[in-house]
Amino acid sequence: MGQNRLQFMFRTVWPRSARLLLGGVILFAALASPALAVTPLRGGRGDVDPIPSFWRIPNRVAKHFLAAPHAPARTEQSALQAALDHAHDVADAYGLTFAVVRGDGVAWAGASGVRDDGATPLQADAPFVIGSITKTFVSVALLHQVERGRLSLDDQVTDHLPDLAVARGATVRDLLAHTSGIADLWIPLQETLVSDPGHVFSHAEVLGKLGAPWFAPGTGWGYSNTNYVIAGMLLEKVAGRPAEDVIARDVTGPLHLRETWLLAGSRADARLLEPSWATSFWTSGAMRSTAADLARWGAALYGGRSVVRASTLSAMTAFNEDDYGLGTRRFEFGEEVGIGHSGLLKRTTSLLLYFPEQRVSLAILANRSEVDLPAALVAEQDGKPSLLELILGPDAVLTAPSPSPAPSAVAAARN
C-alpha cells in the first residue's frame, strides 16, 4: 500500500519538472558511481597508496572523453587518407598506420600499404613494436612512484639498487633525462641480437657487457637505452611487482589502452619481437601498441588529463639544449612545436607527437627501420596539403626537423 502511494505521488502530485530533476539526479548518480567509488591501490610492500582516490577521477574522465570520439566529415577523411597514401610513398616503407585525436574529440585512424610480408593489406589497428616511445610510459610509471613518496628524482639510484655499480653516482633524474653517462647497450649486444635472436638476456648480462661510461653523471647528455632498463629495474624494486604489471595497473589500465603493453612475462610475443630484443631493450623499447592507442595516450598525457600532476608534467617537459626532458622530446616543424617521442627498434619506426597550441595528438608507425617519419608528415603532393597541414590547419608553417631524427644503422635501436 505504501509503495502504491509513493508511485501515485511521483506520477500525479509532483510537478513534471521535479520528476525530471529527480530522474536526472538518479541518472547522474548511476553514471558517476563507478568513477567515484575508487578503491585506493595498494603498493607492492603492502602499504596503502597515499594518493587519495579523488586524484584518479580525472583519469576516468579522460578515459570516457577519449573512448567516445567522433569521426571527421567524410570529405576530411578522404583528404586524410590521400595524404597518408602520399606519406607512405615518401616514407618508402611497406606500410604506415596513423591516428589523430583532437581536443574537441575528433579522431581518425587509417593505414596505407601492406604488412612486412609485402602482400597483406595493412589495417589501421595493426599492432607495432613502438621502440623508444616506450620511454614515455616507463617515465610516467616511475614518476607515479615519485608522486607517491616512494623515491625522489634526486635519490641516488644505488640508494634503491645498492649492488648496481654501473649506476653509481647517478640519480633517478639522470636516468630519465639521459644525463647519467651510462653507456648504451646496443653496440656490445649487437652481435648476439643479430646472430641469436632466441637468446634470453638477464639484466645482469646486459649491464655486464656495457662499455666504459661516456661521462660523469650530471656533466653531459647522451641518449642511452640502458638508462631506461635501469629505470625499469628501479620501478620493480620500489613498486614490488613486475614492470609490465605496474605499467598495466597504473598507466595503460586507467586509460583503457587495451592494445598497449610491455612485451614481457606472460605477454611476451616472439612474433612481434624476438626474445633477445625484448629482454635486452625491455623497458627502454619493448612495448607494443597501435596508432590509435598512442594518439589517445599523447592526448591524455600532454593534454593535461591528470595522468600525472601538473608539476610532474612540467618536469617532463623542461627541455634541455638537446630538446630532451624526462622521457619526452621536443620537435620543431618549422614554426610549429610538438612534444612526444620517436621510436626505432629492429623492423619498426614510430613517432608520437602532441601539439599543445592546437591540442592535437597524432601517432604514425612504419613497418620498416630508419624511416624519416617527420619528412613523410610534411610531404605535399601536387599542391595538396600534407598530412600534418591537414591536422594542424592551413595557417601552419611547416618544415621537417633538420636534420630529421632518422638514426643511422649503428643507432638503429637507440631512438
Protein backbone atom coordinates (compact mmCIF):
# COMPACT_ATOMS: atom_id res chain seq x y z
CA MET A 1 0.00 0.00 0.00
CA GLY A 2 2.86 2.38 0.93
CA GLN A 3 4.63 1.59 -2.34
CA ASN A 4 1.48 2.32 -4.37
CA ARG A 5 1.10 5.66 -2.58
CA LEU A 6 4.68 6.63 -3.42
CA GLN A 7 4.12 5.71 -7.07
CA PHE A 8 0.92 7.79 -7.10
CA MET A 9 2.72 10.79 -5.63
CA PHE A 10 5.53 10.51 -8.16
CA ARG A 11 3.09 10.29 -11.09
CA THR A 12 0.46 12.86 -10.12
CA VAL A 13 1.40 15.12 -7.23
CA TRP A 14 4.96 16.06 -8.15
CA PRO A 15 5.30 18.59 -10.98
CA ARG A 16 6.79 17.32 -14.20
CA SER A 17 9.91 19.48 -13.71
CA ALA A 18 10.54 17.98 -10.28
CA ARG A 19 10.20 14.46 -11.65
CA LEU A 20 12.68 15.27 -14.41
CA LEU A 21 15.09 16.77 -11.89
CA LEU A 22 14.88 13.71 -9.66
CA GLY A 23 15.39 11.42 -12.64
CA GLY A 24 18.45 13.40 -13.67
CA VAL A 25 19.94 13.14 -10.18
CA ILE A 26 19.38 9.37 -10.15
CA LEU A 27 20.90 9.01 -13.62
CA PHE A 28 23.93 11.09 -12.65
CA ALA A 29 24.47 9.01 -9.54
CA ALA A 30 24.30 5.81 -11.57
CA LEU A 31 26.81 7.07 -14.12
CA ALA A 32 29.15 8.70 -11.63
CA SER A 33 29.27 5.94 -9.07
CA PRO A 34 31.91 3.82 -10.87
CA ALA A 35 34.19 6.85 -11.11
CA LEU A 36 33.63 7.96 -7.54
CA ALA A 37 33.94 4.56 -5.93
CA VAL A 38 37.69 4.30 -6.48
CA THR A 39 39.42 1.95 -4.06
CA PRO A 40 42.95 3.10 -3.22
CA LEU A 41 45.52 0.85 -4.87
CA ARG A 42 47.96 -0.99 -2.67
CA GLY A 43 51.68 -0.87 -3.26
CA GLY A 44 53.94 -3.87 -3.54
CA ARG A 45 55.06 -3.51 0.08
CA GLY A 46 51.50 -3.78 1.42
CA ASP A 47 51.09 -0.09 2.26
CA VAL A 48 48.00 1.90 1.27
CA ASP A 49 48.65 4.17 -1.67
CA PRO A 50 48.97 7.68 -0.18
CA ILE A 51 47.40 9.37 -3.21
CA PRO A 52 43.71 9.90 -2.36
CA SER A 53 41.11 8.30 -4.56
CA PHE A 54 39.85 11.60 -5.97
CA TRP A 55 43.23 12.12 -7.65
CA ARG A 56 42.36 9.34 -10.12
CA ILE A 57 38.92 10.59 -11.11
CA PRO A 58 40.32 12.85 -13.89
CA ASN A 59 41.91 9.75 -15.45
CA ARG A 60 38.48 8.19 -15.69
CA VAL A 61 37.07 11.40 -17.14
CA ALA A 62 39.85 11.32 -19.74
CA LYS A 63 39.04 7.68 -20.48
CA HIS A 64 35.39 8.46 -21.20
CA PHE A 65 36.34 11.53 -23.23
CA LEU A 66 38.81 9.64 -25.37
CA ALA A 67 36.81 6.42 -25.61
CA ALA A 68 33.89 8.11 -27.38
CA PRO A 69 35.45 10.10 -30.27
CA HIS A 70 33.57 11.33 -33.28
CA ALA A 71 34.91 10.99 -36.80
CA PRO A 72 35.66 13.96 -39.04
CA ALA A 73 33.46 14.69 -42.05
CA ARG A 74 33.67 12.23 -44.93
CA THR A 75 35.45 14.74 -47.18
CA GLU A 76 38.09 15.31 -44.50
CA GLN A 77 38.53 11.57 -44.09
CA SER A 78 39.14 11.25 -47.82
CA ALA A 79 41.72 14.03 -47.71
CA LEU A 80 43.47 12.43 -44.73
CA GLN A 81 43.62 9.07 -46.49
CA ALA A 82 45.03 10.65 -49.65
CA ALA A 83 47.69 12.48 -47.64
CA LEU A 84 48.53 9.29 -45.75
CA ASP A 85 48.91 7.42 -49.03
CA HIS A 86 51.35 10.09 -50.22
CA ALA A 87 53.23 9.95 -46.91
CA HIS A 88 53.53 6.21 -47.44
CA ASP A 89 55.07 6.75 -50.86
CA VAL A 90 57.55 9.25 -49.44
CA ALA A 91 58.43 7.07 -46.44
CA ASP A 92 59.45 4.12 -48.61
CA ALA A 93 58.08 1.67 -46.02
CA TYR A 94 55.98 -1.43 -46.56
CA GLY A 95 53.14 0.32 -44.80
CA LEU A 96 52.11 3.07 -42.41
CA THR A 97 49.42 3.32 -39.77
CA PHE A 98 48.29 6.70 -38.50
CA ALA A 99 45.88 8.11 -35.93
CA VAL A 100 44.92 11.56 -34.69
CA VAL A 101 42.93 12.77 -31.66
CA ARG A 102 41.90 16.42 -31.40
CA GLY A 103 40.93 18.34 -28.34
CA ASP A 104 37.32 18.53 -29.48
CA GLY A 105 37.09 14.74 -29.61
CA VAL A 106 37.51 14.31 -33.36
CA ALA A 107 39.52 11.17 -34.05
CA TRP A 108 40.59 9.28 -37.15
CA ALA A 109 42.79 6.27 -37.84
CA GLY A 110 43.96 4.90 -41.16
CA ALA A 111 46.54 2.74 -42.87
CA SER A 112 48.36 2.68 -46.19
CA GLY A 113 50.40 -0.05 -47.77
CA VAL A 114 50.99 -3.65 -46.75
CA ARG A 115 52.35 -5.68 -43.87
CA ASP A 116 56.04 -6.57 -43.91
CA ASP A 117 55.26 -9.76 -45.84
CA GLY A 118 54.92 -7.41 -48.81
CA ALA A 119 51.44 -8.63 -49.75
CA THR A 120 48.82 -8.48 -46.99
CA PRO A 121 46.99 -5.12 -46.77
CA LEU A 122 47.88 -3.28 -43.57
CA GLN A 123 44.98 -2.49 -41.23
CA ALA A 124 44.69 0.67 -39.15
CA ASP A 125 44.54 -1.33 -35.90
CA ALA A 126 47.68 -3.38 -36.60
CA PRO A 127 49.94 -3.66 -33.55
CA PHE A 128 53.54 -2.46 -33.82
CA VAL A 129 56.57 -2.55 -31.55
CA ILE A 130 56.88 1.11 -30.54
CA GLY A 131 60.57 1.25 -29.62
CA SER A 132 61.56 4.24 -27.54
CA ILE A 133 58.03 5.63 -27.27
CA THR A 134 58.05 3.01 -24.50
CA LYS A 135 60.07 5.53 -22.50
CA THR A 136 57.05 7.83 -22.15
CA PHE A 137 55.12 5.05 -20.37
CA VAL A 138 58.03 3.95 -18.18
CA SER A 139 58.84 7.53 -17.22
CA VAL A 140 55.23 8.10 -16.14
CA ALA A 141 55.12 4.82 -14.22
CA LEU A 142 58.29 5.73 -12.29
CA LEU A 143 57.16 9.33 -11.76
CA HIS A 144 53.96 7.97 -10.20
CA GLN A 145 56.20 6.33 -7.61
CA VAL A 146 57.89 9.69 -7.04
CA GLU A 147 54.48 11.30 -6.55
CA ARG A 148 53.63 8.60 -4.01
CA GLY A 149 56.73 9.35 -1.99
CA ARG A 150 58.47 6.04 -2.57
CA LEU A 151 61.54 7.72 -4.06
CA SER A 152 62.76 11.13 -5.20
CA LEU A 153 64.10 12.32 -8.53
CA ASP A 154 67.25 13.35 -6.68
CA ASP A 155 67.76 9.98 -4.98
CA GLN A 156 70.90 8.12 -5.93
CA VAL A 157 69.98 5.04 -7.95
CA THR A 158 72.16 2.99 -5.61
CA ASP A 159 70.02 4.10 -2.65
CA HIS A 160 67.46 1.64 -4.00
CA LEU A 161 69.67 -0.72 -6.03
CA PRO A 162 72.84 -0.81 -3.91
CA ASP A 163 74.57 -3.52 -5.95
CA LEU A 164 74.23 -1.64 -9.24
CA ALA A 165 77.79 -0.41 -9.61
CA VAL A 166 77.22 0.79 -13.18
CA ALA A 167 74.82 3.46 -11.88
CA ARG A 168 76.98 4.69 -9.01
CA GLY A 169 76.72 8.47 -8.71
CA ALA A 170 73.65 8.71 -10.99
CA THR A 171 70.29 9.96 -9.76
CA VAL A 172 66.79 8.91 -10.77
CA ARG A 173 66.55 12.17 -12.69
CA ASP A 174 69.77 11.32 -14.54
CA LEU A 175 68.21 8.07 -15.77
CA LEU A 176 65.04 9.70 -17.09
CA ALA A 177 66.88 12.67 -18.61
CA HIS A 178 69.80 10.67 -20.12
CA THR A 179 72.37 12.59 -18.10
CA SER A 180 73.78 9.55 -16.27
CA GLY A 181 76.68 8.96 -18.68
CA ILE A 182 75.96 5.21 -18.63
CA ALA A 183 76.93 3.67 -21.97
CA ASP A 184 74.26 2.38 -24.36
CA LEU A 185 73.65 -1.34 -24.67
CA TRP A 186 73.26 -1.54 -28.46
CA ILE A 187 76.88 -1.89 -29.60
CA PRO A 188 78.01 -4.55 -27.08
CA LEU A 189 74.86 -6.62 -27.66
CA GLN A 190 74.56 -6.16 -31.42
CA GLU A 191 76.30 -9.38 -32.43
CA THR A 192 74.13 -11.57 -30.18
CA LEU A 193 70.94 -9.75 -31.17
CA VAL A 194 71.60 -10.47 -34.84
CA SER A 195 73.06 -13.98 -34.58
CA ASP A 196 70.95 -15.43 -31.76
CA PRO A 197 67.51 -13.78 -31.64
CA GLY A 198 66.21 -16.54 -29.36
CA HIS A 199 68.68 -15.68 -26.62
CA VAL A 200 67.10 -14.52 -23.34
CA PHE A 201 69.13 -11.77 -21.68
CA SER A 202 69.18 -11.21 -17.94
CA HIS A 203 69.59 -7.67 -16.66
CA ALA A 204 72.93 -8.64 -15.15
CA GLU A 205 74.14 -9.92 -18.52
CA VAL A 206 73.08 -6.73 -20.30
CA LEU A 207 74.74 -4.46 -17.73
CA GLY A 208 77.82 -6.67 -17.61
CA LYS A 209 78.53 -6.11 -21.30
CA LEU A 210 78.44 -2.31 -21.21
CA GLY A 211 81.37 -0.23 -22.27
CA ALA A 212 83.02 2.46 -20.18
CA PRO A 213 80.85 5.41 -19.02
CA TRP A 214 80.56 8.24 -21.52
CA PHE A 215 80.91 10.94 -18.87
CA ALA A 216 80.44 11.51 -15.15
CA PRO A 217 76.78 11.62 -14.01
CA GLY A 218 75.20 15.02 -14.43
CA THR A 219 78.01 16.51 -16.52
CA GLY A 220 76.66 15.88 -20.02
CA TRP A 221 73.86 14.43 -22.09
CA GLY A 222 73.88 11.17 -24.05
CA TYR A 223 70.91 9.14 -25.21
CA SER A 224 71.28 5.64 -23.76
CA ASN A 225 68.71 2.85 -23.67
CA THR A 226 70.49 1.47 -20.63
CA ASN A 227 69.08 4.35 -18.57
CA TYR A 228 65.57 3.05 -19.08
CA VAL A 229 66.49 -0.58 -18.48
CA ILE A 230 67.75 0.54 -15.08
CA ALA A 231 64.61 2.69 -14.67
CA GLY A 232 62.59 -0.49 -15.17
CA MET A 233 64.64 -2.30 -12.54
CA LEU A 234 64.11 0.62 -10.17
CA LEU A 235 60.37 0.62 -10.90
CA GLU A 236 60.13 -3.05 -9.97
CA LYS A 237 62.12 -2.52 -6.78
CA VAL A 238 60.02 0.35 -5.39
CA ALA A 239 56.65 -0.98 -6.61
CA GLY A 240 57.33 -4.56 -5.58
CA ARG A 241 55.96 -6.17 -8.73
CA PRO A 242 56.93 -6.80 -12.37
CA ALA A 243 57.26 -3.71 -14.54
CA GLU A 244 54.64 -4.95 -17.00
CA ASP A 245 52.12 -5.23 -14.17
CA VAL A 246 52.88 -1.76 -12.79
CA ILE A 247 52.52 -0.17 -16.23
CA ALA A 248 49.24 -2.01 -16.87
CA ARG A 249 47.80 -1.17 -13.46
CA ASP A 250 48.88 2.46 -13.14
CA VAL A 251 49.26 3.75 -16.69
CA THR A 252 47.56 1.91 -19.55
CA GLY A 253 44.76 0.38 -17.48
CA PRO A 254 43.11 3.57 -16.18
CA LEU A 255 43.07 4.99 -19.72
CA HIS A 256 41.76 1.75 -21.24
CA LEU A 257 44.64 1.50 -23.70
CA ARG A 258 43.74 -2.11 -24.39
CA GLU A 259 46.22 -2.62 -27.24
CA THR A 260 49.26 -1.37 -25.36
CA TRP A 261 51.55 -3.44 -23.12
CA LEU A 262 55.13 -4.35 -22.36
CA LEU A 263 56.28 -7.47 -24.21
CA ALA A 264 57.45 -9.24 -21.08
CA GLY A 265 56.33 -12.06 -18.81
CA SER A 266 53.13 -13.71 -19.96
CA ARG A 267 52.70 -11.04 -22.64
CA ALA A 268 55.97 -11.61 -24.43
CA ASP A 269 55.33 -12.23 -28.13
CA ALA A 270 58.17 -13.59 -30.25
CA ARG A 271 56.14 -12.96 -33.42
CA LEU A 272 56.36 -9.22 -32.78
CA LEU A 273 59.75 -9.08 -31.09
CA GLU A 274 62.22 -11.92 -30.65
CA PRO A 275 63.34 -12.81 -27.10
CA SER A 276 66.84 -11.32 -27.41
CA TRP A 277 65.44 -7.94 -28.41
CA ALA A 278 62.56 -7.99 -25.92
CA THR A 279 64.71 -8.97 -22.94
CA SER A 280 67.64 -6.68 -23.69
CA PHE A 281 65.78 -3.48 -24.56
CA TRP A 282 62.89 -4.30 -22.21
CA THR A 283 61.61 -1.09 -20.56
CA SER A 284 63.64 1.05 -22.94
CA GLY A 285 61.76 -0.04 -26.05
CA ALA A 286 59.91 -3.37 -25.95
CA MET A 287 56.29 -2.24 -25.82
CA ARG A 288 53.64 -2.83 -28.45
CA SER A 289 50.71 -0.60 -29.32
CA THR A 290 48.55 0.72 -32.13
CA ALA A 291 48.47 4.17 -33.69
CA ALA A 292 45.05 4.83 -32.16
CA ASP A 293 46.15 3.90 -28.64
CA LEU A 294 49.27 6.04 -28.95
CA ALA A 295 47.33 9.07 -30.17
CA ARG A 296 44.99 8.71 -27.21
CA TRP A 297 47.98 8.35 -24.89
CA GLY A 298 49.53 11.58 -26.18
CA ALA A 299 46.24 13.45 -25.78
CA ALA A 300 45.79 12.20 -22.23
CA LEU A 301 49.38 12.72 -21.04
CA TYR A 302 50.33 16.00 -22.69
CA GLY A 303 46.80 17.40 -22.93
CA GLY A 304 46.57 17.83 -19.17
CA ARG A 305 44.21 14.96 -18.39
CA SER A 306 45.86 14.44 -14.99
CA VAL A 307 47.84 11.36 -15.98
CA VAL A 308 50.49 12.94 -13.76
CA ARG A 309 50.41 16.01 -11.54
CA ALA A 310 50.92 19.38 -13.20
CA SER A 311 54.31 19.80 -11.53
CA THR A 312 55.38 16.38 -12.81
CA LEU A 313 54.33 17.21 -16.36
CA SER A 314 56.29 20.47 -16.10
CA ALA A 315 59.38 18.48 -15.14
CA MET A 316 58.83 16.08 -18.04
CA THR A 317 58.67 18.97 -20.50
CA ALA A 318 61.54 21.08 -19.09
CA PHE A 319 63.73 20.52 -22.15
CA ASN A 320 67.50 20.84 -22.18
CA GLU A 321 69.58 22.15 -25.06
CA ASP A 322 69.25 18.73 -26.71
CA ASP A 323 65.45 19.09 -26.65
CA TYR A 324 65.00 16.32 -24.06
CA GLY A 325 63.10 16.39 -20.78
CA LEU A 326 62.10 13.36 -18.69
CA GLY A 327 61.02 10.70 -21.17
CA THR A 328 59.80 13.38 -23.59
CA ARG A 329 61.33 15.04 -26.64
CA ARG A 330 60.70 18.35 -28.34
CA PHE A 331 60.29 18.54 -32.14
CA GLU A 332 60.23 21.67 -34.29
CA PHE A 333 58.33 21.54 -37.59
CA GLY A 334 59.10 24.99 -38.89
CA GLU A 335 57.04 27.33 -36.72
CA GLU A 336 55.08 24.53 -35.08
CA VAL A 337 56.36 22.72 -32.00
CA GLY A 338 55.35 19.21 -30.98
CA ILE A 339 56.30 17.15 -27.94
CA GLY A 340 56.39 13.38 -27.60
CA HIS A 341 58.94 10.75 -28.58
CA SER A 342 60.33 8.87 -31.56
CA GLY A 343 60.97 5.14 -31.68
CA LEU A 344 63.13 2.79 -33.71
CA LEU A 345 63.62 -0.86 -32.86
CA LYS A 346 64.56 -3.59 -35.30
CA ARG A 347 61.86 -3.59 -38.02
CA THR A 348 59.72 -0.60 -36.96
CA THR A 349 59.93 3.18 -36.78
CA SER A 350 57.42 5.21 -34.78
CA LEU A 351 56.59 8.77 -33.81
CA LEU A 352 54.23 10.21 -31.18
CA LEU A 353 53.53 13.95 -31.29
CA TYR A 354 51.32 16.32 -29.33
CA PHE A 355 50.91 19.92 -30.47
CA PRO A 356 49.88 21.98 -27.42
CA GLU A 357 48.77 25.07 -29.33
CA GLN A 358 46.31 23.12 -31.48
CA ARG A 359 45.55 20.49 -28.81
CA VAL A 360 46.20 17.71 -31.30
CA SER A 361 47.83 14.33 -30.71
CA LEU A 362 48.98 12.03 -33.51
CA ALA A 363 50.91 8.82 -33.94
CA ILE A 364 52.45 7.37 -37.08
CA LEU A 365 54.06 3.91 -37.32
CA ALA A 366 56.08 2.31 -40.11
CA ASN A 367 56.91 -1.39 -40.52
CA ARG A 368 60.44 -0.68 -41.63
CA SER A 369 63.50 0.66 -39.81
CA GLU A 370 65.05 4.10 -40.27
CA VAL A 371 62.01 5.70 -41.91
CA ASP A 372 62.03 9.51 -41.92
CA LEU A 373 58.53 9.93 -40.49
CA PRO A 374 58.77 13.71 -39.89
CA ALA A 375 59.54 14.24 -43.58
CA ALA A 376 56.63 11.99 -44.52
CA LEU A 377 54.27 14.01 -42.32
CA VAL A 378 55.05 17.30 -44.10
CA ALA A 379 55.29 15.91 -47.66
CA GLU A 380 52.96 17.64 -50.14
CA GLN A 381 51.79 16.31 -53.48
CA ASP A 382 50.71 18.47 -56.43
CA GLY A 383 49.84 21.39 -54.20
CA LYS A 384 47.63 19.34 -51.92
CA PRO A 385 48.17 19.79 -48.17
CA SER A 386 50.44 17.42 -46.31
CA LEU A 387 49.16 15.11 -43.62
CA LEU A 388 50.43 17.42 -40.87
CA GLU A 389 48.96 20.51 -42.54
CA LEU A 390 45.55 18.84 -42.66
CA ILE A 391 45.87 18.11 -38.95
CA LEU A 392 47.18 21.50 -37.78
CA GLY A 393 45.34 23.73 -40.25
CA PRO A 394 46.20 25.80 -43.32
CA ASP A 395 47.92 28.53 -41.28
CA ALA A 396 50.60 26.14 -40.04
CA VAL A 397 54.08 26.94 -41.39
CA LEU A 398 55.74 23.54 -41.63
CA THR A 399 59.09 22.03 -42.45
CA ALA A 400 60.59 18.72 -41.36
CA PRO A 401 63.03 18.88 -38.44
CA SER A 402 66.55 19.46 -39.76
CA PRO A 403 68.21 17.10 -39.52
CA SER A 404 65.25 14.80 -39.29
CA PRO A 405 65.54 12.33 -36.38
CA ALA A 406 66.21 9.33 -38.60
CA PRO A 407 69.01 7.40 -36.85
CA SER A 408 71.91 5.74 -38.55
CA ALA A 409 72.22 1.96 -38.75
CA VAL A 410 74.58 1.93 -35.76
CA ALA A 411 71.98 3.76 -33.68
CA ALA A 412 69.07 1.78 -35.07
CA ALA A 413 67.99 0.50 -31.70
CA ARG A 414 68.61 3.68 -29.79
CA ASN A 415 66.00 6.16 -30.95
